[in-house]
Full PDB file with SEQRES, HELIX, SHEET, SSBOND, CRYST1, ORIGX, SCALE, CONECT and MASTER records, all heavy atoms in Angstrom:
SEQRES   1 A   43  LYS VAL LEU LEU LEU GLY THR SER GLY CYS GLY LYS SER          
SEQRES   2 A   43  THR LEU LEU GLN VAL LEU SER GLY LEU VAL PRO GLN THR          
SEQRES   3 A   43  ILE ASP ILE PRO ILE LYS PHE ASP GLU ILE GLN ILE PRO          
SEQRES   4 A   43  ASP GLN TRP GLY                                              
HELIX    1 AA1 LYS A   12  SER A   20  1                                   9    
HELIX    2 AA2 LEU A   22  GLN A   25  1                                   4    
CRYST1    1.000    1.000    1.000  90.00  90.00  90.00 P 1           1          
ORIGX1      1.000000  0.000000  0.000000        0.00000                         
ORIGX2      0.000000  1.000000  0.000000        0.00000                         
ORIGX3      0.000000  0.000000  1.000000        0.00000                         
SCALE1      1.000000  0.000000  0.000000        0.00000                         
SCALE2      0.000000  1.000000  0.000000        0.00000                         
SCALE3      0.000000  0.000000  1.000000        0.00000                         
ATOM      1  N   LYS A   1     154.375  73.270  94.314  1.00  0.00           N  
ATOM      2  CA  LYS A   1     154.380  71.897  94.339  1.00  0.00           C  
ATOM      3  C   LYS A   1     153.307  71.455  93.360  1.00  0.00           C  
ATOM      4  O   LYS A   1     152.132  71.545  93.631  1.00  0.00           O  
ATOM      5  CB  LYS A   1     154.072  71.321  95.725  1.00  0.00           C  
ATOM      6  CG  LYS A   1     154.808  71.992  96.843  1.00  0.00           C  
ATOM      7  CD  LYS A   1     156.270  71.733  96.775  1.00  0.00           C  
ATOM      8  CE  LYS A   1     157.089  72.287  98.018  1.00  0.00           C  
ATOM      9  NZ  LYS A   1     157.076  73.761  98.032  1.00  0.00           N  
ATOM     10  N   VAL A   2     153.670  71.045  92.154  1.00  0.00           N  
ATOM     11  CA  VAL A   2     152.798  70.821  91.014  1.00  0.00           C  
ATOM     12  C   VAL A   2     152.705  69.282  90.752  1.00  0.00           C  
ATOM     13  O   VAL A   2     153.727  68.551  90.542  1.00  0.00           O  
ATOM     14  CB  VAL A   2     153.291  71.537  89.771  1.00  0.00           C  
ATOM     15  CG1 VAL A   2     152.306  71.255  88.682  1.00  0.00           C  
ATOM     16  CG2 VAL A   2     153.488  72.990  90.080  1.00  0.00           C  
ATOM     17  N   LEU A   3     151.468  68.780  90.688  1.00  0.00           N  
ATOM     18  CA  LEU A   3     151.215  67.384  90.430  1.00  0.00           C  
ATOM     19  C   LEU A   3     150.648  67.332  88.977  1.00  0.00           C  
ATOM     20  O   LEU A   3     149.633  67.935  88.683  1.00  0.00           O  
ATOM     21  CB  LEU A   3     150.316  66.861  91.442  1.00  0.00           C  
ATOM     22  CG  LEU A   3     149.828  65.343  91.199  1.00  0.00           C  
ATOM     23  CD1 LEU A   3     150.976  64.378  91.205  1.00  0.00           C  
ATOM     24  CD2 LEU A   3     148.778  64.944  92.306  1.00  0.00           C  
ATOM     25  N   LEU A   4     151.292  66.541  88.086  1.00  0.00           N  
ATOM     26  CA  LEU A   4     150.785  66.363  86.790  1.00  0.00           C  
ATOM     27  C   LEU A   4     150.036  65.021  86.668  1.00  0.00           C  
ATOM     28  O   LEU A   4     150.535  63.989  87.022  1.00  0.00           O  
ATOM     29  CB  LEU A   4     151.974  66.263  85.805  1.00  0.00           C  
ATOM     30  CG  LEU A   4     152.956  67.438  85.776  1.00  0.00           C  
ATOM     31  CD1 LEU A   4     154.031  67.260  84.659  1.00  0.00           C  
ATOM     32  CD2 LEU A   4     152.233  68.795  85.598  1.00  0.00           C  
ATOM     33  N   LEU A   5     148.810  65.074  86.246  1.00  0.00           N  
ATOM     34  CA  LEU A   5     147.996  63.936  86.139  1.00  0.00           C  
ATOM     35  C   LEU A   5     147.516  63.690  84.646  1.00  0.00           C  
ATOM     36  O   LEU A   5     147.318  64.715  83.929  1.00  0.00           O  
ATOM     37  CB  LEU A   5     146.678  64.065  86.891  1.00  0.00           C  
ATOM     38  CG  LEU A   5     146.841  64.224  88.469  1.00  0.00           C  
ATOM     39  CD1 LEU A   5     145.556  64.307  89.148  1.00  0.00           C  
ATOM     40  CD2 LEU A   5     147.647  63.102  89.063  1.00  0.00           C  
ATOM     41  N   GLY A   6     147.392  62.432  84.264  1.00  0.00           N  
ATOM     42  CA  GLY A   6     146.956  62.122  82.918  1.00  0.00           C  
ATOM     43  C   GLY A   6     147.018  60.650  82.664  1.00  0.00           C  
ATOM     44  O   GLY A   6     147.647  59.917  83.469  1.00  0.00           O  
ATOM     45  N   THR A   7     146.488  60.192  81.600  1.00  0.00           N  
ATOM     46  CA  THR A   7     146.580  58.801  81.237  1.00  0.00           C  
ATOM     47  C   THR A   7     148.000  58.310  80.841  1.00  0.00           C  
ATOM     48  O   THR A   7     148.831  59.175  80.542  1.00  0.00           O  
ATOM     49  CB  THR A   7     145.590  58.456  80.076  1.00  0.00           C  
ATOM     50  OG1 THR A   7     146.089  59.204  78.916  1.00  0.00           O  
ATOM     51  CG2 THR A   7     144.254  58.816  80.367  1.00  0.00           C  
ATOM     52  N   SER A   8     148.211  57.048  80.875  1.00  0.00           N  
ATOM     53  CA  SER A   8     149.487  56.472  80.524  1.00  0.00           C  
ATOM     54  C   SER A   8     149.762  56.887  79.082  1.00  0.00           C  
ATOM     55  O   SER A   8     148.896  56.557  78.210  1.00  0.00           O  
ATOM     56  CB  SER A   8     149.500  54.970  80.756  1.00  0.00           C  
ATOM     57  OG  SER A   8     150.624  54.337  80.219  1.00  0.00           O  
ATOM     58  N   GLY A   9     150.902  57.416  78.815  1.00  0.00           N  
ATOM     59  CA  GLY A   9     151.245  57.775  77.399  1.00  0.00           C  
ATOM     60  C   GLY A   9     150.826  59.133  76.907  1.00  0.00           C  
ATOM     61  O   GLY A   9     150.993  59.513  75.775  1.00  0.00           O  
ATOM     62  N   CYS A  10     150.273  59.910  77.811  1.00  0.00           N  
ATOM     63  CA  CYS A  10     149.820  61.289  77.371  1.00  0.00           C  
ATOM     64  C   CYS A  10     150.932  62.334  77.388  1.00  0.00           C  
ATOM     65  O   CYS A  10     150.717  63.443  76.907  1.00  0.00           O  
ATOM     66  CB  CYS A  10     148.712  61.832  78.366  1.00  0.00           C  
ATOM     67  SG  CYS A  10     149.290  62.356  79.957  1.00  0.00           S  
ATOM     68  N   GLY A  11     152.156  61.955  77.817  1.00  0.00           N  
ATOM     69  CA  GLY A  11     153.344  62.827  77.715  1.00  0.00           C  
ATOM     70  C   GLY A  11     153.812  63.498  78.947  1.00  0.00           C  
ATOM     71  O   GLY A  11     154.672  64.323  78.950  1.00  0.00           O  
ATOM     72  N   LYS A  12     153.347  63.064  80.139  1.00  0.00           N  
ATOM     73  CA  LYS A  12     153.737  63.585  81.362  1.00  0.00           C  
ATOM     74  C   LYS A  12     155.254  63.513  81.578  1.00  0.00           C  
ATOM     75  O   LYS A  12     155.886  64.474  81.947  1.00  0.00           O  
ATOM     76  CB  LYS A  12     153.010  62.976  82.588  1.00  0.00           C  
ATOM     77  CG  LYS A  12     151.505  62.972  82.456  1.00  0.00           C  
ATOM     78  CD  LYS A  12     150.805  62.342  83.575  1.00  0.00           C  
ATOM     79  CE  LYS A  12     151.099  60.888  83.816  1.00  0.00           C  
ATOM     80  NZ  LYS A  12     150.693  60.026  82.701  1.00  0.00           N  
ATOM     81  N   SER A  13     155.727  62.279  81.442  1.00  0.00           N  
ATOM     82  CA  SER A  13     157.231  62.008  81.643  1.00  0.00           C  
ATOM     83  C   SER A  13     158.073  62.866  80.635  1.00  0.00           C  
ATOM     84  O   SER A  13     159.092  63.404  81.000  1.00  0.00           O  
ATOM     85  CB  SER A  13     157.514  60.604  81.599  1.00  0.00           C  
ATOM     86  OG  SER A  13     156.869  59.817  82.561  1.00  0.00           O  
ATOM     87  N   THR A  14     157.554  62.907  79.350  1.00  0.00           N  
ATOM     88  CA  THR A  14     158.286  63.666  78.357  1.00  0.00           C  
ATOM     89  C   THR A  14     158.304  65.170  78.728  1.00  0.00           C  
ATOM     90  O   THR A  14     159.351  65.844  78.535  1.00  0.00           O  
ATOM     91  CB  THR A  14     157.582  63.439  77.008  1.00  0.00           C  
ATOM     92  OG1 THR A  14     157.528  62.046  76.710  1.00  0.00           O  
ATOM     93  CG2 THR A  14     158.252  64.142  75.930  1.00  0.00           C  
ATOM     94  N   LEU A  15     157.229  65.648  79.257  1.00  0.00           N  
ATOM     95  CA  LEU A  15     157.158  67.107  79.615  1.00  0.00           C  
ATOM     96  C   LEU A  15     158.174  67.333  80.765  1.00  0.00           C  
ATOM     97  O   LEU A  15     158.877  68.393  80.698  1.00  0.00           O  
ATOM     98  CB  LEU A  15     155.751  67.453  80.086  1.00  0.00           C  
ATOM     99  CG  LEU A  15     155.597  68.857  80.575  1.00  0.00           C  
ATOM    100  CD1 LEU A  15     155.914  69.895  79.417  1.00  0.00           C  
ATOM    101  CD2 LEU A  15     154.139  69.145  81.050  1.00  0.00           C  
ATOM    102  N   LEU A  16     158.366  66.405  81.752  1.00  0.00           N  
ATOM    103  CA  LEU A  16     159.324  66.626  82.748  1.00  0.00           C  
ATOM    104  C   LEU A  16     160.745  66.721  82.113  1.00  0.00           C  
ATOM    105  O   LEU A  16     161.625  67.572  82.458  1.00  0.00           O  
ATOM    106  CB  LEU A  16     159.375  65.408  83.743  1.00  0.00           C  
ATOM    107  CG  LEU A  16     158.178  65.326  84.723  1.00  0.00           C  
ATOM    108  CD1 LEU A  16     158.433  64.220  85.729  1.00  0.00           C  
ATOM    109  CD2 LEU A  16     157.803  66.609  85.270  1.00  0.00           C  
ATOM    110  N   GLN A  17     160.977  65.895  81.101  1.00  0.00           N  
ATOM    111  CA  GLN A  17     162.300  65.888  80.438  1.00  0.00           C  
ATOM    112  C   GLN A  17     162.513  67.092  79.622  1.00  0.00           C  
ATOM    113  O   GLN A  17     163.653  67.620  79.505  1.00  0.00           O  
ATOM    114  CB  GLN A  17     162.397  64.658  79.574  1.00  0.00           C  
ATOM    115  CG  GLN A  17     162.446  63.357  80.393  1.00  0.00           C  
ATOM    116  CD  GLN A  17     162.177  62.106  79.535  1.00  0.00           C  
ATOM    117  OE1 GLN A  17     162.048  62.131  78.300  1.00  0.00           O  
ATOM    118  NE2 GLN A  17     162.064  60.961  80.227  1.00  0.00           N  
ATOM    119  N   VAL A  18     161.425  67.700  79.090  1.00  0.00           N  
ATOM    120  CA  VAL A  18     161.589  69.029  78.338  1.00  0.00           C  
ATOM    121  C   VAL A  18     161.886  70.124  79.291  1.00  0.00           C  
ATOM    122  O   VAL A  18     162.834  70.935  79.074  1.00  0.00           O  
ATOM    123  CB  VAL A  18     160.321  69.292  77.550  1.00  0.00           C  
ATOM    124  CG1 VAL A  18     160.326  70.659  76.961  1.00  0.00           C  
ATOM    125  CG2 VAL A  18     160.092  68.259  76.413  1.00  0.00           C  
ATOM    126  N   LEU A  19     161.198  70.242  80.371  1.00  0.00           N  
ATOM    127  CA  LEU A  19     161.323  71.256  81.385  1.00  0.00           C  
ATOM    128  C   LEU A  19     162.632  71.317  82.055  1.00  0.00           C  
ATOM    129  O   LEU A  19     163.173  72.244  82.510  1.00  0.00           O  
ATOM    130  CB  LEU A  19     160.229  71.257  82.390  1.00  0.00           C  
ATOM    131  CG  LEU A  19     158.791  71.592  81.824  1.00  0.00           C  
ATOM    132  CD1 LEU A  19     157.767  71.378  82.962  1.00  0.00           C  
ATOM    133  CD2 LEU A  19     158.716  73.040  81.270  1.00  0.00           C  
ATOM    134  N   SER A  20     163.271  70.068  82.146  1.00  0.00           N  
ATOM    135  CA  SER A  20     164.594  69.924  82.737  1.00  0.00           C  
ATOM    136  C   SER A  20     165.678  70.158  81.776  1.00  0.00           C  
ATOM    137  O   SER A  20     166.874  70.291  82.103  1.00  0.00           O  
ATOM    138  CB  SER A  20     164.789  68.583  83.412  1.00  0.00           C  
ATOM    139  OG  SER A  20     164.723  67.474  82.405  1.00  0.00           O  
ATOM    140  N   GLY A  21     165.449  70.080  80.388  1.00  0.00           N  
ATOM    141  CA  GLY A  21     166.366  70.237  79.382  1.00  0.00           C  
ATOM    142  C   GLY A  21     166.873  68.969  78.865  1.00  0.00           C  
ATOM    143  O   GLY A  21     167.732  68.856  78.011  1.00  0.00           O  
ATOM    144  N   LEU A  22     166.524  67.787  79.478  1.00  0.00           N  
ATOM    145  CA  LEU A  22     166.987  66.428  79.040  1.00  0.00           C  
ATOM    146  C   LEU A  22     166.608  66.215  77.565  1.00  0.00           C  
ATOM    147  O   LEU A  22     167.351  65.584  76.881  1.00  0.00           O  
ATOM    148  CB  LEU A  22     166.446  65.327  79.918  1.00  0.00           C  
ATOM    149  CG  LEU A  22     167.034  65.200  81.341  1.00  0.00           C  
ATOM    150  CD1 LEU A  22     166.262  64.268  82.149  1.00  0.00           C  
ATOM    151  CD2 LEU A  22     168.483  64.818  81.213  1.00  0.00           C  
ATOM    152  N   VAL A  23     165.373  66.704  77.260  1.00  0.00           N  
ATOM    153  CA  VAL A  23     164.944  66.712  75.826  1.00  0.00           C  
ATOM    154  C   VAL A  23     165.005  68.177  75.352  1.00  0.00           C  
ATOM    155  O   VAL A  23     164.462  69.085  76.026  1.00  0.00           O  
ATOM    156  CB  VAL A  23     163.449  66.201  75.769  1.00  0.00           C  
ATOM    157  CG1 VAL A  23     162.964  66.479  74.272  1.00  0.00           C  
ATOM    158  CG2 VAL A  23     163.343  64.745  76.086  1.00  0.00           C  
ATOM    159  N   PRO A  24     165.788  68.449  74.350  1.00  0.00           N  
ATOM    160  CA  PRO A  24     166.436  67.561  73.413  1.00  0.00           C  
ATOM    161  C   PRO A  24     168.008  67.448  73.685  1.00  0.00           C  
ATOM    162  O   PRO A  24     168.737  66.798  72.985  1.00  0.00           O  
ATOM    163  CB  PRO A  24     166.295  68.150  72.075  1.00  0.00           C  
ATOM    164  CG  PRO A  24     166.355  69.662  72.366  1.00  0.00           C  
ATOM    165  CD  PRO A  24     165.793  69.817  73.717  1.00  0.00           C  
ATOM    166  N   GLN A  25     168.469  68.003  74.834  1.00  0.00           N  
ATOM    167  CA  GLN A  25     169.940  68.109  74.994  1.00  0.00           C  
ATOM    168  C   GLN A  25     170.565  66.711  75.218  1.00  0.00           C  
ATOM    169  O   GLN A  25     171.679  66.452  74.682  1.00  0.00           O  
ATOM    170  CB  GLN A  25     170.236  68.922  76.244  1.00  0.00           C  
ATOM    171  CG  GLN A  25     169.852  70.401  76.066  1.00  0.00           C  
ATOM    172  CD  GLN A  25     170.055  71.229  77.404  1.00  0.00           C  
ATOM    173  OE1 GLN A  25     170.696  70.796  78.248  1.00  0.00           O  
ATOM    174  NE2 GLN A  25     169.395  72.376  77.415  1.00  0.00           N  
ATOM    175  N   THR A  26     169.880  65.803  75.939  1.00  0.00           N  
ATOM    176  CA  THR A  26     170.419  64.462  76.140  1.00  0.00           C  
ATOM    177  C   THR A  26     169.633  63.412  75.336  1.00  0.00           C  
ATOM    178  O   THR A  26     170.204  62.469  74.797  1.00  0.00           O  
ATOM    179  CB  THR A  26     170.443  64.123  77.678  1.00  0.00           C  
ATOM    180  OG1 THR A  26     171.134  65.142  78.374  1.00  0.00           O  
ATOM    181  CG2 THR A  26     170.991  62.749  77.857  1.00  0.00           C  
ATOM    182  N   ILE A  27     168.299  63.535  75.376  1.00  0.00           N  
ATOM    183  CA  ILE A  27     167.472  62.612  74.628  1.00  0.00           C  
ATOM    184  C   ILE A  27     166.973  63.364  73.336  1.00  0.00           C  
ATOM    185  O   ILE A  27     166.297  64.387  73.415  1.00  0.00           O  
ATOM    186  CB  ILE A  27     166.223  62.250  75.527  1.00  0.00           C  
ATOM    187  CG1 ILE A  27     166.666  61.688  76.919  1.00  0.00           C  
ATOM    188  CG2 ILE A  27     165.316  61.270  74.798  1.00  0.00           C  
ATOM    189  CD1 ILE A  27     165.562  61.537  77.870  1.00  0.00           C  
ATOM    190  N   ASP A  28     167.445  62.825  72.225  1.00  0.00           N  
ATOM    191  CA  ASP A  28     167.239  63.486  70.947  1.00  0.00           C  
ATOM    192  C   ASP A  28     165.772  63.195  70.439  1.00  0.00           C  
ATOM    193  O   ASP A  28     165.534  62.210  69.789  1.00  0.00           O  
ATOM    194  CB  ASP A  28     168.212  62.970  69.967  1.00  0.00           C  
ATOM    195  CG  ASP A  28     168.200  63.789  68.636  1.00  0.00           C  
ATOM    196  OD1 ASP A  28     167.572  64.895  68.626  1.00  0.00           O  
ATOM    197  OD2 ASP A  28     168.802  63.318  67.651  1.00  0.00           O  
ATOM    198  N   ILE A  29     164.871  64.135  70.702  1.00  0.00           N  
ATOM    199  CA  ILE A  29     163.546  64.102  70.180  1.00  0.00           C  
ATOM    200  C   ILE A  29     163.256  65.407  69.554  1.00  0.00           C  
ATOM    201  O   ILE A  29     163.567  66.468  70.158  1.00  0.00           O  
ATOM    202  CB  ILE A  29     162.446  63.848  71.301  1.00  0.00           C  
ATOM    203  CG1 ILE A  29     162.708  62.480  71.956  1.00  0.00           C  
ATOM    204  CG2 ILE A  29     161.058  63.841  70.704  1.00  0.00           C  
ATOM    205  CD1 ILE A  29     161.877  62.264  73.202  1.00  0.00           C  
ATOM    206  N   PRO A  30     162.672  65.425  68.295  1.00  0.00           N  
ATOM    207  CA  PRO A  30     162.446  66.705  67.608  1.00  0.00           C  
ATOM    208  C   PRO A  30     161.348  67.545  68.340  1.00  0.00           C  
ATOM    209  O   PRO A  30     160.248  67.064  68.567  1.00  0.00           O  
ATOM    210  CB  PRO A  30     161.951  66.235  66.195  1.00  0.00           C  
ATOM    211  CG  PRO A  30     162.328  64.768  66.118  1.00  0.00           C  
ATOM    212  CD  PRO A  30     162.385  64.299  67.452  1.00  0.00           C  
ATOM    213  N   ILE A  31     161.765  68.749  68.786  1.00  0.00           N  
ATOM    214  CA  ILE A  31     160.749  69.597  69.427  1.00  0.00           C  
ATOM    215  C   ILE A  31     160.938  71.027  68.856  1.00  0.00           C  
ATOM    216  O   ILE A  31     161.964  71.359  68.340  1.00  0.00           O  
ATOM    217  CB  ILE A  31     160.926  69.581  70.917  1.00  0.00           C  
ATOM    218  CG1 ILE A  31     162.235  70.215  71.396  1.00  0.00           C  
ATOM    219  CG2 ILE A  31     160.746  68.235  71.524  1.00  0.00           C  
ATOM    220  CD1 ILE A  31     162.319  70.500  72.905  1.00  0.00           C  
ATOM    221  N   LYS A  32     159.904  71.795  69.026  1.00  0.00           N  
ATOM    222  CA  LYS A  32     159.981  73.246  68.737  1.00  0.00           C  
ATOM    223  C   LYS A  32     159.226  74.028  69.791  1.00  0.00           C  
ATOM    224  O   LYS A  32     158.328  73.534  70.447  1.00  0.00           O  
ATOM    225  CB  LYS A  32     159.361  73.502  67.357  1.00  0.00           C  
ATOM    226  CG  LYS A  32     159.994  72.972  66.127  1.00  0.00           C  
ATOM    227  CD  LYS A  32     159.334  73.378  64.872  1.00  0.00           C  
ATOM    228  CE  LYS A  32     160.036  72.811  63.628  1.00  0.00           C  
ATOM    229  NZ  LYS A  32     159.354  73.174  62.392  1.00  0.00           N  
ATOM    230  N   PHE A  33     159.728  75.183  70.094  1.00  0.00           N  
ATOM    231  CA  PHE A  33     159.029  76.021  71.034  1.00  0.00           C  
ATOM    232  C   PHE A  33     159.437  77.553  70.750  1.00  0.00           C  
ATOM    233  O   PHE A  33     160.463  77.778  70.103  1.00  0.00           O  
ATOM    234  CB  PHE A  33     159.465  75.630  72.493  1.00  0.00           C  
ATOM    235  CG  PHE A  33     160.878  75.560  72.674  1.00  0.00           C  
ATOM    236  CD1 PHE A  33     161.807  76.571  72.767  1.00  0.00           C  
ATOM    237  CD2 PHE A  33     161.524  74.208  72.638  1.00  0.00           C  
ATOM    238  CE1 PHE A  33     163.133  76.409  72.915  1.00  0.00           C  
ATOM    239  CE2 PHE A  33     162.868  74.022  72.840  1.00  0.00           C  
ATOM    240  CZ  PHE A  33     163.675  75.137  72.966  1.00  0.00           C  
ATOM    241  N   ASP A  34     158.673  78.428  71.241  1.00  0.00           N  
ATOM    242  CA  ASP A  34     159.009  79.818  71.051  1.00  0.00           C  
ATOM    243  C   ASP A  34     159.911  80.316  72.144  1.00  0.00           C  
ATOM    244  O   ASP A  34     160.850  81.080  71.860  1.00  0.00           O  
ATOM    245  CB  ASP A  34     157.680  80.639  71.082  1.00  0.00           C  
ATOM    246  CG  ASP A  34     156.838  80.424  69.922  1.00  0.00           C  
ATOM    247  OD1 ASP A  34     157.365  79.825  68.932  1.00  0.00           O  
ATOM    248  OD2 ASP A  34     155.641  80.789  69.904  1.00  0.00           O  
ATOM    249  N   GLU A  35     159.662  79.809  73.358  1.00  0.00           N  
ATOM    250  CA  GLU A  35     160.576  80.191  74.485  1.00  0.00           C  
ATOM    251  C   GLU A  35     160.616  79.014  75.425  1.00  0.00           C  
ATOM    252  O   GLU A  35     159.629  78.253  75.613  1.00  0.00           O  
ATOM    253  CB  GLU A  35     159.999  81.390  75.246  1.00  0.00           C  
ATOM    254  CG  GLU A  35     159.949  82.681  74.421  1.00  0.00           C  
ATOM    255  CD  GLU A  35     159.289  83.768  75.236  1.00  0.00           C  
ATOM    256  OE1 GLU A  35     159.132  83.645  76.487  1.00  0.00           O  
ATOM    257  OE2 GLU A  35     158.996  84.887  74.651  1.00  0.00           O  
ATOM    258  N   ILE A  36     161.749  78.845  76.132  1.00  0.00           N  
ATOM    259  CA  ILE A  36     161.843  77.892  77.156  1.00  0.00           C  
ATOM    260  C   ILE A  36     162.791  78.336  78.273  1.00  0.00           C  
ATOM    261  O   ILE A  36     163.801  79.084  77.977  1.00  0.00           O  
ATOM    262  CB  ILE A  36     162.403  76.508  76.652  1.00  0.00           C  
ATOM    263  CG1 ILE A  36     162.174  75.386  77.626  1.00  0.00           C  
ATOM    264  CG2 ILE A  36     163.799  76.539  76.161  1.00  0.00           C  
ATOM    265  CD1 ILE A  36     162.242  74.026  77.056  1.00  0.00           C  
ATOM    266  N   GLN A  37     162.451  78.043  79.511  1.00  0.00           N  
ATOM    267  CA  GLN A  37     163.244  78.423  80.604  1.00  0.00           C  
ATOM    268  C   GLN A  37     163.669  77.131  81.472  1.00  0.00           C  
ATOM    269  O   GLN A  37     162.785  76.408  81.878  1.00  0.00           O  
ATOM    270  CB  GLN A  37     162.528  79.389  81.560  1.00  0.00           C  
ATOM    271  CG  GLN A  37     163.294  79.773  82.864  1.00  0.00           C  
ATOM    272  CD  GLN A  37     162.379  80.636  83.772  1.00  0.00           C  
ATOM    273  OE1 GLN A  37     161.194  80.763  83.523  1.00  0.00           O  
ATOM    274  NE2 GLN A  37     163.001  81.204  84.872  1.00  0.00           N  
ATOM    275  N   ILE A  38     164.926  76.808  81.541  1.00  0.00           N  
ATOM    276  CA  ILE A  38     165.414  75.601  82.220  1.00  0.00           C  
ATOM    277  C   ILE A  38     165.985  76.028  83.545  1.00  0.00           C  
ATOM    278  O   ILE A  38     166.857  77.037  83.616  1.00  0.00           O  
ATOM    279  CB  ILE A  38     166.468  74.909  81.402  1.00  0.00           C  
ATOM    280  CG1 ILE A  38     165.928  74.546  80.028  1.00  0.00           C  
ATOM    281  CG2 ILE A  38     167.003  73.625  82.097  1.00  0.00           C  
ATOM    282  CD1 ILE A  38     164.760  73.704  79.978  1.00  0.00           C  
ATOM    283  N   PRO A  39     165.659  75.435  84.617  1.00  0.00           N  
ATOM    284  CA  PRO A  39     166.206  75.817  85.995  1.00  0.00           C  
ATOM    285  C   PRO A  39     167.766  75.574  85.951  1.00  0.00           C  
ATOM    286  O   PRO A  39     168.254  74.696  85.344  1.00  0.00           O  
ATOM    287  CB  PRO A  39     165.481  74.913  86.972  1.00  0.00           C  
ATOM    288  CG  PRO A  39     164.918  73.744  86.141  1.00  0.00           C  
ATOM    289  CD  PRO A  39     164.647  74.306  84.848  1.00  0.00           C  
ATOM    290  N   ASP A  40     168.422  76.429  86.755  1.00  0.00           N  
ATOM    291  CA  ASP A  40     169.906  76.283  86.844  1.00  0.00           C  
ATOM    292  C   ASP A  40     170.307  75.066  87.652  1.00  0.00           C  
ATOM    293  O   ASP A  40     171.251  74.342  87.241  1.00  0.00           O  
ATOM    294  CB  ASP A  40     170.460  77.533  87.580  1.00  0.00           C  
ATOM    295  CG  ASP A  40     170.230  78.821  86.773  1.00  0.00           C  
ATOM    296  OD1 ASP A  40     170.238  78.643  85.542  1.00  0.00           O  
ATOM    297  OD2 ASP A  40     170.068  79.873  87.412  1.00  0.00           O  
ATOM    298  N   GLN A  41     169.559  74.724  88.772  1.00  0.00           N  
ATOM    299  CA  GLN A  41     170.045  73.505  89.551  1.00  0.00           C  
ATOM    300  C   GLN A  41     168.724  72.678  89.701  1.00  0.00           C  
ATOM    301  O   GLN A  41     167.756  73.098  90.305  1.00  0.00           O  
ATOM    302  CB  GLN A  41     170.524  74.002  90.967  1.00  0.00           C  
ATOM    303  CG  GLN A  41     171.836  74.728  90.899  1.00  0.00           C  
ATOM    304  CD  GLN A  41     172.377  75.083  92.283  1.00  0.00           C  
ATOM    305  OE1 GLN A  41     171.650  75.785  92.994  1.00  0.00           O  
ATOM    306  NE2 GLN A  41     173.574  74.587  92.606  1.00  0.00           N  
ATOM    307  N   TRP A  42     168.869  71.482  89.238  1.00  0.00           N  
ATOM    308  CA  TRP A  42     167.686  70.592  89.294  1.00  0.00           C  
ATOM    309  C   TRP A  42     168.150  69.196  89.486  1.00  0.00           C  
ATOM    310  O   TRP A  42     169.235  68.772  89.269  1.00  0.00           O  
ATOM    311  CB  TRP A  42     166.821  70.717  87.992  1.00  0.00           C  
ATOM    312  CG  TRP A  42     167.569  70.464  86.812  1.00  0.00           C  
ATOM    313  CD1 TRP A  42     168.103  71.408  85.961  1.00  0.00           C  
ATOM    314  CD2 TRP A  42     167.825  69.174  86.054  1.00  0.00           C  
ATOM    315  NE1 TRP A  42     168.728  70.899  84.892  1.00  0.00           N  
ATOM    316  CE2 TRP A  42     168.546  69.475  84.949  1.00  0.00           C  
ATOM    317  CE3 TRP A  42     167.388  67.926  86.414  1.00  0.00           C  
ATOM    318  CZ2 TRP A  42     168.906  68.487  84.015  1.00  0.00           C  
ATOM    319  CZ3 TRP A  42     167.823  66.901  85.482  1.00  0.00           C  
ATOM    320  CH2 TRP A  42     168.562  67.196  84.353  1.00  0.00           C  
ATOM    321  N   GLY A  43     167.181  68.345  90.052  1.00  0.00           N  
ATOM    322  CA  GLY A  43     167.441  66.919  90.201  1.00  0.00           C  
ATOM    323  C   GLY A  43     166.244  66.226  89.550  1.00  0.00           C  
ATOM    324  O   GLY A  43     165.089  66.662  89.550  1.00  0.00           O  
TER     325      GLY A  43                                                      
MASTER        0    0    0    2    0    0    0    6  324    1    0    4          
END                                                                             
């Protein structure tokens, strides 16, 4: 159970979208990474 804290605009919401695969699969934002693991079933 992980709580992400930070100032408004620091990227918390964007990180959720990256870890779920919404970025860049649904939301087209240029990103790069060496490795990524997306969960099979998520909400």
